Amino acid sequence: MGKTIKVCVRTRPTAQFAAGHIAIDADRNAITIDKGHEASPDGVCNNAQSRFDFRFHHVLHNASQDTVYGECVQDVVSSVLDGYNGTVFAYGQTSSGKTHTMHGCKEELGVIPLAVRDVFDAVRRQGSDREFLIRVSYLEIYNEKMVDLFAAEASDGDSEEYAAKLSIRENKDRGTYVLGLREEVVTMPSQVLSLLERGTKRRHVGATNMNMHSSRSHTIFRMIIESRAIEGKASGADDAAVLVSTLNLVDLAGSERMSKTGAEGERAKEGAHINKSLMTLGVVINKLSEGVESKGGHIPYRDSKLTRILQPALGGNSKTAIVCAMTPAHSHCEESH
């Protein structure tokens, strides 16, 4: 699994860096967290471990968007053009910079627009030998309900009724898919980014004590890439076959503690759904990394819509990059741990 699942940490700049509690070693791609002051040299205090050393594929401290994309994501996107399924998602506590990492801004593009650019650049390079069909979809999971962000109904009074029309199905030819989810055929990056911008405006956001524009849902932006050799240029049966791969770009809602966010009523309900689905995702990733699937063990994909939809992209013929967004401030040491 080490070759197919890559885990990176990106720290958010903060003036309240937890010096003495958090040490970042970019050369070793390691982060050490010390939760106690009276620990012995081996990191044990009162018979409980208080110092923890974590290793990752990459630790990016105060890094640019281009650096995050190049170090953590670009090879996953490249593999999709070779027929693999790819998934990239940003994970972390609320207000740690996940949405900025995935979407970016005009000055610094995020993972999604950079990936779209690379896909079309690759298609352009191969265009003389292969023909391509690219489709995109944009799904939101809000309170365990699915919403099609390309549908106008997602932003009006009929959104609940429309969400009820979406359902997760599975068959031999398509695998796991969302019935009723719109897929738009696209031919250029600007078309994709226009659709993405329109859909993002329909996403559920809300104010909490930690973030005035907190994402209250998970979103899955998906690119389905089909290709085949142009007639007369196929050198064999394999080249003549249609190659289909999927790239999932996932912006997860942030895990949160209600004591910090001040969530009440509907906000508290949203937070509970968010935390539950993130916990399920964590369990699935842990079991995959332990090789449970290869041993015939049970992976609880069906415990949440998020993991059920992403099942084909997390196991089997797939590559995954997890960008853990972290705020290394004194007030968030426990969340960082």
Protein backbone atom coordinates (compact mmCIF):
# COMPACT_ATOMS: atom_id res chain seq x y z
CA MET A 1 0.00 0.00 0.00
CA GLY A 2 3.00 2.29 0.46
CA LYS A 3 3.29 2.66 -3.30
CA THR A 4 -0.37 3.48 -3.87
CA ILE A 5 -1.29 5.65 -0.88
CA LYS A 6 0.83 8.71 -0.24
CA VAL A 7 0.36 10.82 2.90
CA CYS A 8 1.61 14.40 3.05
CA VAL A 9 1.29 17.16 5.65
CA ARG A 10 0.88 20.81 4.76
CA THR A 11 1.10 23.32 7.59
CA ARG A 12 -0.85 26.55 7.62
CA PRO A 13 1.20 29.65 8.53
CA THR A 14 0.43 30.91 12.04
CA ALA A 15 1.81 33.59 14.34
CA GLN A 16 1.05 31.33 17.35
CA PHE A 17 3.31 28.41 16.36
CA ALA A 18 3.45 25.87 19.20
CA ALA A 19 7.19 26.07 19.79
CA GLY A 20 8.28 23.50 22.36
CA HIS A 21 5.32 21.29 21.55
CA ILE A 22 5.60 20.80 17.79
CA ALA A 23 8.86 20.28 15.90
CA ILE A 24 8.87 20.07 12.10
CA ASP A 25 11.76 18.34 10.36
CA ALA A 26 11.24 18.80 6.62
CA ASP A 27 14.49 16.96 5.80
CA ARG A 28 13.25 13.79 7.52
CA ASN A 29 9.63 14.46 6.50
CA ALA A 30 8.81 14.11 10.19
CA ILE A 31 6.75 15.93 12.81
CA THR A 32 7.34 15.47 16.54
CA ILE A 33 4.62 16.40 19.00
CA ASP A 34 5.47 16.74 22.70
CA LYS A 35 2.37 16.96 24.89
CA GLY A 36 4.11 17.01 28.25
CA HIS A 37 6.83 18.98 30.07
CA GLU A 38 7.86 16.40 32.68
CA ALA A 39 8.56 13.51 30.35
CA SER A 40 11.65 11.38 30.69
CA PRO A 41 14.17 11.22 27.80
CA ASP A 42 12.28 8.32 26.24
CA GLY A 43 9.10 10.42 26.02
CA VAL A 44 7.19 8.72 28.84
CA CYS A 45 5.46 10.64 31.63
CA ASN A 46 3.37 9.04 34.38
CA ASN A 47 3.53 5.72 32.52
CA ALA A 48 1.91 7.37 29.48
CA GLN A 49 3.63 8.34 26.25
CA SER A 50 3.74 12.10 25.79
CA ARG A 51 6.08 12.52 22.83
CA PHE A 52 5.20 11.21 19.39
CA ASP A 53 7.26 11.09 16.19
CA PHE A 54 5.33 10.87 12.93
CA ARG A 55 6.85 10.18 9.50
CA PHE A 56 5.22 11.06 6.18
CA HIS A 57 6.03 10.96 2.49
CA HIS A 58 6.31 14.75 2.52
CA VAL A 59 6.13 17.47 5.17
CA LEU A 60 5.59 20.88 3.57
CA HIS A 61 5.98 23.77 5.98
CA ASN A 62 4.73 27.15 4.69
CA ALA A 63 4.86 25.76 1.13
CA SER A 64 3.37 27.30 -2.01
CA GLN A 65 0.45 25.81 -3.92
CA ASP A 66 2.75 24.78 -6.78
CA THR A 67 5.05 22.97 -4.35
CA VAL A 68 2.16 21.08 -2.74
CA TYR A 69 0.87 20.04 -6.15
CA GLY A 70 4.28 19.05 -7.51
CA GLU A 71 5.37 17.07 -4.45
CA CYS A 72 2.11 15.39 -3.45
CA VAL A 73 -0.34 15.30 -6.34
CA GLN A 74 1.18 15.51 -9.80
CA ASP A 75 2.23 11.87 -10.07
CA VAL A 76 -1.30 10.73 -9.15
CA VAL A 77 -2.76 12.89 -11.91
CA SER A 78 -0.16 11.57 -14.37
CA SER A 79 -1.04 7.97 -13.49
CA VAL A 80 -4.68 8.58 -14.45
CA LEU A 81 -3.61 9.10 -18.07
CA ASP A 82 -1.95 5.67 -17.86
CA GLY A 83 -5.23 3.99 -16.92
CA TYR A 84 -5.10 4.07 -13.11
CA ASN A 85 -7.86 5.50 -10.95
CA GLY A 86 -6.60 8.41 -8.85
CA THR A 87 -7.87 10.16 -5.76
CA VAL A 88 -6.59 13.27 -4.01
CA PHE A 89 -8.18 14.63 -0.89
CA ALA A 90 -7.44 17.27 1.70
CA TYR A 91 -8.04 16.16 5.29
CA GLY A 92 -7.78 18.05 8.57
CA GLN A 93 -9.51 20.12 11.20
CA THR A 94 -11.81 22.98 10.31
CA SER A 95 -10.08 26.18 9.18
CA SER A 96 -6.75 24.48 8.42
CA GLY A 97 -6.65 25.42 4.74
CA LYS A 98 -8.18 22.39 2.99
CA THR A 99 -10.40 24.31 0.58
CA HIS A 100 -7.57 26.74 -0.19
CA THR A 101 -5.32 23.76 -0.94
CA MET A 102 -7.87 22.20 -3.30
CA HIS A 103 -9.26 25.32 -5.01
CA GLY A 104 -6.67 28.03 -4.42
CA CYS A 105 -7.27 31.61 -5.58
CA LYS A 106 -6.54 33.78 -8.62
CA GLU A 107 -2.98 34.45 -7.42
CA GLU A 108 -2.22 30.80 -6.56
CA LEU A 109 -4.15 28.01 -8.24
CA GLY A 110 -5.06 25.00 -6.12
CA VAL A 111 -4.90 21.27 -6.71
CA ILE A 112 -8.12 21.06 -8.76
CA PRO A 113 -7.37 23.74 -11.40
CA LEU A 114 -3.74 22.57 -11.64
CA ALA A 115 -4.89 18.97 -12.17
CA VAL A 116 -7.38 20.07 -14.84
CA ARG A 117 -4.59 21.93 -16.61
CA ASP A 118 -2.28 18.89 -16.53
CA VAL A 119 -4.96 16.51 -17.81
CA PHE A 120 -5.68 18.67 -20.85
CA ASP A 121 -1.97 19.25 -21.47
CA ALA A 122 -1.45 15.47 -21.52
CA VAL A 123 -4.41 14.99 -23.83
CA ARG A 124 -2.99 17.61 -26.18
CA ARG A 125 0.38 15.85 -26.26
CA GLN A 126 -1.21 12.48 -27.08
CA GLY A 127 -3.80 13.90 -29.45
CA SER A 128 -2.04 12.75 -32.61
CA ASP A 129 -2.21 9.09 -31.56
CA ARG A 130 -5.31 8.80 -29.36
CA GLU A 131 -8.77 10.33 -29.19
CA PHE A 132 -10.21 11.33 -25.81
CA LEU A 133 -13.59 11.85 -24.20
CA ILE A 134 -13.58 13.68 -20.87
CA ARG A 135 -16.60 13.99 -18.59
CA VAL A 136 -16.85 15.77 -15.25
CA SER A 137 -19.26 15.62 -12.31
CA TYR A 138 -19.47 17.52 -9.02
CA LEU A 139 -21.09 15.83 -6.03
CA GLU A 140 -21.72 17.19 -2.56
CA ILE A 141 -22.37 15.03 0.51
CA TYR A 142 -24.23 17.13 3.09
CA ASN A 143 -25.64 15.51 6.23
CA GLU A 144 -25.23 12.13 4.44
CA LYS A 145 -27.42 13.37 1.58
CA MET A 146 -26.04 13.62 -1.95
CA VAL A 147 -26.46 16.79 -3.98
CA ASP A 148 -25.54 17.31 -7.64
CA LEU A 149 -23.76 20.68 -7.71
CA PHE A 150 -24.15 20.91 -11.50
CA ALA A 151 -27.92 20.91 -11.12
CA ALA A 152 -29.75 24.21 -10.66
CA GLU A 153 -32.10 22.41 -8.28
CA ALA A 154 -29.20 22.11 -5.83
CA SER A 155 -29.48 25.81 -4.94
CA ASP A 156 -33.24 26.31 -4.84
CA GLY A 157 -36.13 25.08 -2.75
CA ASP A 158 -36.24 21.72 -4.51
CA SER A 159 -32.74 20.67 -3.46
CA GLU A 160 -33.99 18.16 -0.86
CA GLU A 161 -36.32 16.56 -3.39
CA TYR A 162 -33.59 16.48 -6.01
CA ALA A 163 -31.08 14.93 -3.59
CA ALA A 164 -33.52 12.08 -2.97
CA LYS A 165 -33.27 11.15 -6.67
CA LEU A 166 -29.56 10.36 -6.36
CA SER A 167 -28.63 6.87 -5.24
CA ILE A 168 -25.48 4.76 -5.09
CA ARG A 169 -25.55 1.78 -7.43
CA GLU A 170 -23.13 -0.90 -8.50
CA ASN A 171 -22.85 -3.14 -11.53
CA LYS A 172 -20.19 -5.15 -13.30
CA ASP A 173 -19.61 -2.67 -16.14
CA ARG A 174 -19.62 0.65 -14.26
CA GLY A 175 -18.62 -0.48 -10.80
CA THR A 176 -19.83 1.85 -8.03
CA TYR A 177 -21.55 5.00 -9.30
CA VAL A 178 -24.19 7.58 -8.36
CA LEU A 179 -27.38 7.11 -10.34
CA GLY A 180 -28.83 10.44 -11.49
CA LEU A 181 -25.59 12.40 -11.17
CA ARG A 182 -24.96 14.64 -14.17
CA GLU A 183 -21.79 14.21 -16.19
CA GLU A 184 -20.83 17.09 -18.46
CA VAL A 185 -18.68 16.44 -21.54
CA VAL A 186 -15.83 18.98 -21.61
CA THR A 187 -13.27 19.91 -24.26
CA MET A 188 -11.14 22.63 -22.67
CA PRO A 189 -9.89 23.71 -19.20
CA SER A 190 -11.85 26.98 -19.15
CA GLN A 191 -15.09 25.04 -19.61
CA VAL A 192 -14.25 22.81 -16.64
CA LEU A 193 -13.30 25.74 -14.40
CA SER A 194 -16.51 27.57 -15.29
CA LEU A 195 -18.58 24.53 -14.31
CA LEU A 196 -16.52 24.15 -11.13
CA GLU A 197 -17.04 27.77 -10.12
CA ARG A 198 -20.78 27.57 -10.71
CA GLY A 199 -21.06 24.37 -8.66
CA THR A 200 -18.89 25.67 -5.80
CA LYS A 201 -21.30 28.59 -5.30
CA ARG A 202 -24.04 26.04 -4.56
CA ARG A 203 -22.05 24.28 -1.85
CA HIS A 204 -23.27 24.39 1.75
CA VAL A 205 -21.18 26.78 3.86
CA GLY A 206 -21.82 28.40 7.24
CA ALA A 207 -20.24 30.51 9.92
CA THR A 208 -18.68 29.05 13.07
CA ASN A 209 -16.44 30.54 15.75
CA MET A 210 -13.42 29.23 13.84
CA ASN A 211 -14.36 30.05 10.24
CA MET A 212 -16.85 32.53 8.80
CA HIS A 213 -17.13 30.45 5.60
CA SER A 214 -16.77 26.92 6.94
CA SER A 215 -17.47 24.11 4.47
CA ARG A 216 -20.34 22.08 5.89
CA SER A 217 -20.07 19.24 3.42
CA HIS A 218 -17.69 17.01 1.49
CA THR A 219 -17.37 17.51 -2.26
CA ILE A 220 -16.10 15.10 -4.92
CA PHE A 221 -15.08 16.65 -8.23
CA ARG A 222 -14.61 13.79 -10.68
CA MET A 223 -13.00 13.62 -14.11
CA ILE A 224 -13.71 10.49 -16.17
CA ILE A 225 -11.18 10.08 -18.98
CA GLU A 226 -11.82 7.67 -21.85
CA SER A 227 -9.36 7.18 -24.69
CA ARG A 228 -8.59 4.86 -27.57
CA ALA A 229 -6.06 4.75 -30.35
CA ILE A 230 -7.01 6.62 -33.49
CA GLU A 231 -8.06 4.21 -36.23
CA GLY A 232 -5.05 2.99 -38.16
CA LYS A 233 -2.58 3.83 -35.38
CA ALA A 234 -3.25 0.93 -33.02
CA SER A 235 -0.29 -1.45 -32.93
CA GLY A 236 -2.15 -4.28 -31.21
CA ALA A 237 -5.33 -5.42 -29.46
CA ASP A 238 -4.36 -3.61 -26.26
CA ASP A 239 -3.97 -0.28 -28.08
CA ALA A 240 -7.34 -0.72 -29.78
CA ALA A 241 -9.13 -1.16 -26.45
CA VAL A 242 -10.88 1.76 -24.77
CA LEU A 243 -8.96 2.97 -21.72
CA VAL A 244 -11.15 4.37 -18.92
CA SER A 245 -9.84 5.98 -15.73
CA THR A 246 -11.23 8.28 -13.06
CA LEU A 247 -9.67 11.15 -11.11
CA ASN A 248 -11.42 12.10 -7.85
CA LEU A 249 -10.51 15.46 -6.31
CA VAL A 250 -12.07 15.61 -2.86
CA ASP A 251 -12.45 18.61 -0.57
CA LEU A 252 -13.43 17.20 2.81
CA ALA A 253 -15.27 19.21 5.42
CA GLY A 254 -13.11 19.81 8.48
CA SER A 255 -13.26 17.75 11.63
CA GLU A 256 -14.34 19.95 14.51
CA ARG A 257 -14.92 20.19 18.23
CA MET A 258 -18.17 21.85 19.12
CA SER A 259 -16.55 23.47 22.16
CA LYS A 260 -14.31 25.42 19.77
CA THR A 261 -16.69 26.04 16.88
CA GLY A 262 -19.61 27.03 19.14
CA ALA A 263 -21.87 24.93 16.93
CA GLU A 264 -25.52 24.69 17.97
CA GLY A 265 -28.70 23.44 16.34
CA GLU A 266 -28.25 22.79 12.62
CA ARG A 267 -24.51 23.57 12.82
CA ALA A 268 -24.09 20.91 15.53
CA LYS A 269 -26.00 18.38 13.41
CA GLU A 270 -23.74 19.14 10.45
CA GLY A 271 -20.64 18.73 12.63
CA ALA A 272 -21.83 15.35 13.90
CA HIS A 273 -22.33 14.05 10.35
CA ILE A 274 -18.95 15.43 9.27
CA ASN A 275 -17.06 13.82 12.16
CA LYS A 276 -18.80 10.46 11.72
CA SER A 277 -17.97 10.21 8.01
CA LEU A 278 -14.36 11.32 8.62
CA MET A 279 -14.00 8.67 11.31
CA THR A 280 -15.21 6.02 8.84
CA LEU A 281 -12.73 7.28 6.25
CA GLY A 282 -9.94 7.01 8.82
CA VAL A 283 -10.91 3.43 9.65
CA VAL A 284 -10.99 2.49 5.95
CA ILE A 285 -7.56 4.03 5.28
CA ASN A 286 -6.07 2.32 8.36
CA LYS A 287 -7.40 -1.09 7.33
CA LEU A 288 -6.15 -0.63 3.77
CA SER A 289 -2.68 0.36 5.01
CA GLU A 290 -2.62 -2.74 7.22
CA GLY A 291 -3.37 -4.95 4.21
CA VAL A 292 -6.69 -6.18 5.60
CA GLU A 293 -8.27 -6.22 2.13
CA SER A 294 -5.58 -8.47 0.64
CA LYS A 295 -6.12 -10.92 3.50
CA GLY A 296 -9.85 -11.17 2.81
CA GLY A 297 -10.81 -9.01 5.81
CA HIS A 298 -13.74 -6.63 6.00
CA ILE A 299 -13.35 -2.97 4.99
CA PRO A 300 -16.36 -0.87 6.17
CA TYR A 301 -16.87 1.07 2.92
CA ARG A 302 -20.64 1.01 3.34
CA ASP A 303 -20.59 2.80 6.70
CA SER A 304 -20.70 6.20 4.97
CA LYS A 305 -21.64 7.55 1.54
CA LEU A 306 -18.21 9.14 1.20
CA THR A 307 -16.28 5.86 1.50
CA ARG A 308 -18.89 3.94 -0.50
CA ILE A 309 -18.52 6.29 -3.47
CA LEU A 310 -14.73 6.36 -3.21
CA GLN A 311 -14.41 2.58 -2.79
CA PRO A 312 -13.14 1.92 -6.35
CA ALA A 313 -10.58 4.71 -6.00
CA LEU A 314 -9.19 3.67 -2.62
CA GLY A 315 -8.49 0.02 -3.31
CA GLY A 316 -7.38 -2.09 -6.25
CA ASN A 317 -6.14 -0.36 -9.41
CA SER A 318 -5.76 3.09 -7.87
CA LYS A 319 -3.36 5.64 -6.48
CA THR A 320 -4.23 8.03 -3.67
CA ALA A 321 -2.69 11.17 -2.21
CA ILE A 322 -3.83 12.43 1.18
CA VAL A 323 -2.91 16.04 1.96
CA CYS A 324 -3.27 16.54 5.70
CA ALA A 325 -3.83 20.23 6.41
CA MET A 326 -2.48 21.21 9.83
CA THR A 327 -2.58 24.40 11.90
CA PRO A 328 0.47 24.10 14.23
CA ALA A 329 -0.79 26.69 16.74
CA HIS A 330 -0.74 26.31 20.54
CA SER A 331 -4.52 26.19 20.68
CA HIS A 332 -4.73 23.29 18.22
CA CYS A 333 -2.02 20.92 19.52
CA GLU A 334 -4.48 18.14 20.26
CA GLU A 335 -6.06 18.36 16.82
CA SER A 336 -2.58 18.34 15.24
CA HIS A 337 -1.73 15.20 17.21
